[in-house]
Amino acid sequence: MYDDMKPEKRNLMIEQILRAEWMMFQTVGDIGGKTGCQEDWETFHIMRYSYYNAWSDQMIRSYAKDLDEAENDKRNLIMEKYAYMMEFTDPEYYRNKLMPHLPRIDEETKKRIEEIAEYLVGCDKEFALRYPKLSRKGRPTDAAADTGQETSMETYFKGELRTYSRYTLQVFLAHIVKCKSEGVNFSFLVKDKMVRMYGYASIEDAEGKL
């Protein structure tokens, strides 16, 4: 998964991405002030590092550029992600209050996002069948499970993917093609790194101890 980047450089770039995202996350508003997750750097770091650890080098480089450009344009990609998610969790509020202020997504990009999201949701479903205890610790998989208090992985994926540039989405699709050709499940890559960062020896070890 490292392509041509040295592990030290790759790790540094991921850490820089996480710091940029964390700073954006700190300014995402909520009624009553900051939420608990906005104070929890350790969990944020593990969850996001695990995700990017499953990316190709090309994806990491491209998204790092996305973040730099967003900062220059005074855009908060984390705030935009949560706003886009509300199209699915609160469509009326999204249409009236949020959509006019968000970048427009063209139809070709929407199709690309749907393709990636479909793959990621499929990976999560496969993972849940093999490791149900671990899966229950996270978000529900399907958008049908969205509520006012809980958001599915499907909706989360679609919201986040909308903040990526066209090129980042392009290389994400290329990575998916590579994973499929090699019989690799993206969710397994993410979860394996995540449980190890939490101190377990493997996914099987974590599943057995929950």
Protein backbone atom coordinates (compact mmCIF):
# COMPACT_ATOMS: atom_id res chain seq x y z
CA MET A 1 0.00 0.00 0.00
CA TYR A 2 3.01 2.32 0.24
CA ASP A 3 3.59 2.72 -3.53
CA ASP A 4 6.81 4.71 -3.89
CA MET A 5 6.81 6.79 -0.70
CA LYS A 6 9.21 5.96 2.13
CA PRO A 7 7.33 4.96 5.32
CA GLU A 8 8.77 7.91 7.26
CA LYS A 9 7.61 10.41 4.65
CA ARG A 10 4.22 8.72 4.36
CA ASN A 11 3.72 8.80 8.13
CA LEU A 12 4.70 12.47 8.26
CA MET A 13 2.22 13.38 5.53
CA ILE A 14 -0.59 11.50 7.28
CA GLU A 15 0.21 13.28 10.55
CA GLN A 16 0.16 16.64 8.77
CA ILE A 17 -3.24 15.77 7.28
CA LEU A 18 -4.57 14.83 10.72
CA ARG A 19 -3.33 18.07 12.29
CA ALA A 20 -4.97 20.10 9.53
CA GLU A 21 -8.24 18.20 9.95
CA TRP A 22 -8.10 18.54 13.74
CA MET A 23 -7.76 22.32 13.47
CA MET A 24 -10.77 22.40 11.14
CA PHE A 25 -12.69 20.10 13.46
CA GLN A 26 -12.16 22.49 16.37
CA THR A 27 -14.14 25.22 14.63
CA VAL A 28 -17.17 23.08 13.73
CA GLY A 29 -20.03 24.59 15.72
CA ASP A 30 -22.65 22.80 17.79
CA ILE A 31 -25.43 24.06 20.01
CA GLY A 32 -24.10 24.34 23.53
CA GLY A 33 -20.44 24.50 22.52
CA LYS A 34 -17.92 21.83 21.65
CA THR A 35 -18.90 18.17 21.69
CA GLY A 36 -16.91 15.56 23.59
CA CYS A 37 -15.31 14.16 20.43
CA GLN A 38 -13.85 17.61 19.69
CA GLU A 39 -11.83 17.28 22.90
CA ASP A 40 -10.63 13.74 22.23
CA TRP A 41 -7.50 13.95 20.08
CA GLU A 42 -6.45 10.35 20.85
CA THR A 43 -9.63 8.79 19.43
CA PHE A 44 -9.67 11.21 16.51
CA HIS A 45 -6.05 10.36 15.73
CA ILE A 46 -6.59 6.60 15.84
CA MET A 47 -9.74 6.65 13.73
CA ARG A 48 -8.41 9.00 11.07
CA TYR A 49 -4.89 7.55 10.96
CA SER A 50 -6.36 4.07 10.47
CA TYR A 51 -8.40 5.36 7.55
CA TYR A 52 -5.51 7.05 5.77
CA ASN A 53 -3.22 4.11 6.45
CA ALA A 54 -5.36 2.16 3.95
CA TRP A 55 -4.84 4.81 1.25
CA SER A 56 -2.33 4.76 -1.58
CA ASP A 57 0.51 7.28 -1.62
CA GLN A 58 -1.11 9.02 -4.57
CA MET A 59 -4.32 9.51 -2.60
CA ILE A 60 -2.43 10.91 0.39
CA ARG A 61 -0.52 13.40 -1.76
CA SER A 62 -3.69 14.50 -3.53
CA TYR A 63 -5.72 14.99 -0.37
CA ALA A 64 -2.89 16.87 1.32
CA LYS A 65 -3.07 19.25 -1.64
CA ASP A 66 -6.86 19.48 -1.22
CA LEU A 67 -6.35 20.57 2.39
CA ASP A 68 -3.74 23.16 1.44
CA GLU A 69 -6.03 24.62 -1.22
CA ALA A 70 -8.98 24.62 1.18
CA GLU A 71 -6.94 26.51 3.76
CA ASN A 72 -5.92 29.08 1.17
CA ASP A 73 -9.57 29.48 0.13
CA LYS A 74 -10.73 29.77 3.77
CA ARG A 75 -12.78 26.57 3.45
CA ASN A 76 -13.35 24.14 6.30
CA LEU A 77 -13.64 20.68 4.75
CA ILE A 78 -14.73 19.08 8.02
CA MET A 79 -17.57 21.55 8.40
CA GLU A 80 -18.55 20.96 4.77
CA LYS A 81 -18.55 17.20 5.34
CA TYR A 82 -21.07 17.45 8.16
CA ALA A 83 -23.15 19.90 6.15
CA TYR A 84 -23.28 17.54 3.16
CA MET A 85 -24.30 14.69 5.46
CA MET A 86 -27.41 16.64 6.41
CA GLU A 87 -28.80 16.20 2.91
CA PHE A 88 -29.55 12.66 4.05
CA THR A 89 -30.31 13.23 7.75
CA ASP A 90 -32.25 16.53 7.51
CA PRO A 91 -33.05 17.22 3.83
CA GLU A 92 -35.25 20.29 4.41
CA TYR A 93 -32.69 22.07 6.57
CA TYR A 94 -29.97 21.12 4.11
CA ARG A 95 -31.87 22.55 1.12
CA ASN A 96 -32.89 25.78 2.84
CA LYS A 97 -29.92 26.61 5.02
CA LEU A 98 -26.81 24.76 3.89
CA MET A 99 -26.88 23.91 0.19
CA PRO A 100 -26.68 27.56 -1.02
CA HIS A 101 -23.37 27.98 0.83
CA LEU A 102 -21.68 24.74 -0.27
CA PRO A 103 -19.65 24.03 -3.43
CA ARG A 104 -21.84 22.58 -6.17
CA ILE A 105 -21.26 18.94 -7.05
CA ASP A 106 -21.61 18.10 -10.74
CA GLU A 107 -23.35 14.93 -11.93
CA GLU A 108 -20.17 13.16 -13.05
CA THR A 109 -18.62 13.72 -9.63
CA LYS A 110 -21.79 12.51 -7.91
CA LYS A 111 -21.63 9.27 -9.90
CA ARG A 112 -18.00 8.80 -8.90
CA ILE A 113 -18.89 9.40 -5.26
CA GLU A 114 -21.75 6.89 -5.43
CA GLU A 115 -19.42 4.28 -6.90
CA ILE A 116 -16.83 4.75 -4.17
CA ALA A 117 -19.45 4.84 -1.41
CA GLU A 118 -21.07 1.65 -2.71
CA TYR A 119 -17.72 -0.12 -2.55
CA LEU A 120 -16.92 1.14 0.96
CA VAL A 121 -20.36 0.16 2.28
CA GLY A 122 -19.96 -3.28 0.73
CA CYS A 123 -16.60 -3.66 2.46
CA ASP A 124 -18.15 -2.67 5.80
CA LYS A 125 -20.95 -5.20 5.36
CA GLU A 126 -18.47 -7.98 4.64
CA PHE A 127 -16.46 -6.99 7.70
CA ALA A 128 -19.59 -6.95 9.88
CA LEU A 129 -20.47 -10.50 8.88
CA ARG A 130 -17.08 -11.77 10.00
CA TYR A 131 -16.59 -9.53 13.04
CA PRO A 132 -20.00 -8.58 14.46
CA LYS A 133 -18.74 -7.53 17.91
CA LEU A 134 -16.26 -5.05 16.49
CA SER A 135 -18.80 -3.75 14.01
CA ARG A 136 -21.34 -3.01 16.72
CA LYS A 137 -18.81 -0.63 18.28
CA GLY A 138 -19.02 1.65 15.25
CA ARG A 139 -21.68 3.40 13.22
CA PRO A 140 -24.47 1.41 11.53
CA THR A 141 -23.61 0.66 7.93
CA ASP A 142 -26.70 1.56 5.87
CA ALA A 143 -28.26 5.00 5.46
CA ALA A 144 -31.63 3.46 6.36
CA ALA A 145 -30.38 3.40 9.96
CA ASP A 146 -29.81 7.19 10.09
CA THR A 147 -31.50 8.93 13.02
CA GLY A 148 -31.26 12.33 14.63
CA GLN A 149 -28.74 10.89 17.08
CA GLU A 150 -26.79 8.48 14.88
CA THR A 151 -25.44 8.68 11.34
CA SER A 152 -24.59 5.66 9.20
CA MET A 153 -21.28 4.93 7.56
CA GLU A 154 -22.96 5.24 4.17
CA THR A 155 -24.04 8.82 4.88
CA TYR A 156 -20.69 9.62 6.48
CA PHE A 157 -18.81 8.31 3.43
CA LYS A 158 -20.95 10.32 1.02
CA GLY A 159 -20.55 13.49 3.04
CA GLU A 160 -16.79 13.15 3.23
CA LEU A 161 -16.31 12.12 -0.39
CA ARG A 162 -18.06 15.31 -1.49
CA THR A 163 -15.26 17.35 0.06
CA TYR A 164 -12.57 15.66 -2.04
CA SER A 165 -11.29 17.17 -5.26
CA ARG A 166 -12.01 15.51 -8.59
CA TYR A 167 -8.45 14.22 -8.75
CA THR A 168 -8.57 12.74 -5.24
CA LEU A 169 -11.79 10.94 -6.19
CA GLN A 170 -10.14 9.74 -9.39
CA VAL A 171 -7.18 8.20 -7.57
CA PHE A 172 -9.53 6.79 -4.91
CA LEU A 173 -11.38 4.92 -7.68
CA ALA A 174 -8.08 3.67 -9.06
CA HIS A 175 -7.18 2.41 -5.59
CA ILE A 176 -10.51 0.59 -5.36
CA VAL A 177 -9.85 -1.12 -8.69
CA LYS A 178 -6.47 -2.24 -7.36
CA CYS A 179 -7.99 -3.52 -4.11
CA LYS A 180 -10.63 -5.47 -6.00
CA SER A 181 -8.08 -7.01 -8.36
CA GLU A 182 -5.99 -8.14 -5.39
CA GLY A 183 -8.97 -9.39 -3.37
CA VAL A 184 -8.36 -6.77 -0.67
CA ASN A 185 -11.18 -5.41 1.49
CA PHE A 186 -10.62 -1.73 2.34
CA SER A 187 -12.44 -2.01 5.68
CA PHE A 188 -10.17 -4.86 6.79
CA LEU A 189 -7.13 -2.64 6.15
CA VAL A 190 -8.62 0.19 8.20
CA LYS A 191 -9.81 -1.96 11.09
CA ASP A 192 -6.57 -3.95 11.31
CA LYS A 193 -4.58 -0.77 11.85
CA MET A 194 -7.19 0.64 14.22
CA VAL A 195 -7.25 -2.32 16.61
CA ARG A 196 -3.46 -2.48 16.65
CA MET A 197 -3.33 1.21 17.60
CA TYR A 198 -5.69 0.35 20.47
CA GLY A 199 -3.26 -2.32 21.63
CA TYR A 200 -4.75 -5.53 20.23
CA ALA A 201 -2.61 -8.06 18.39
CA SER A 202 -5.05 -8.44 15.50
CA ILE A 203 -8.68 -8.07 14.44
CA GLU A 204 -9.33 -11.61 15.70
CA ASP A 205 -7.76 -10.72 19.05
CA ALA A 206 -9.98 -7.64 19.40
CA GLU A 207 -13.13 -9.55 18.36
CA GLY A 208 -12.41 -12.27 20.89
CA LYS A 209 -11.88 -9.85 23.78
CA LEU A 210 -14.99 -7.73 23.24
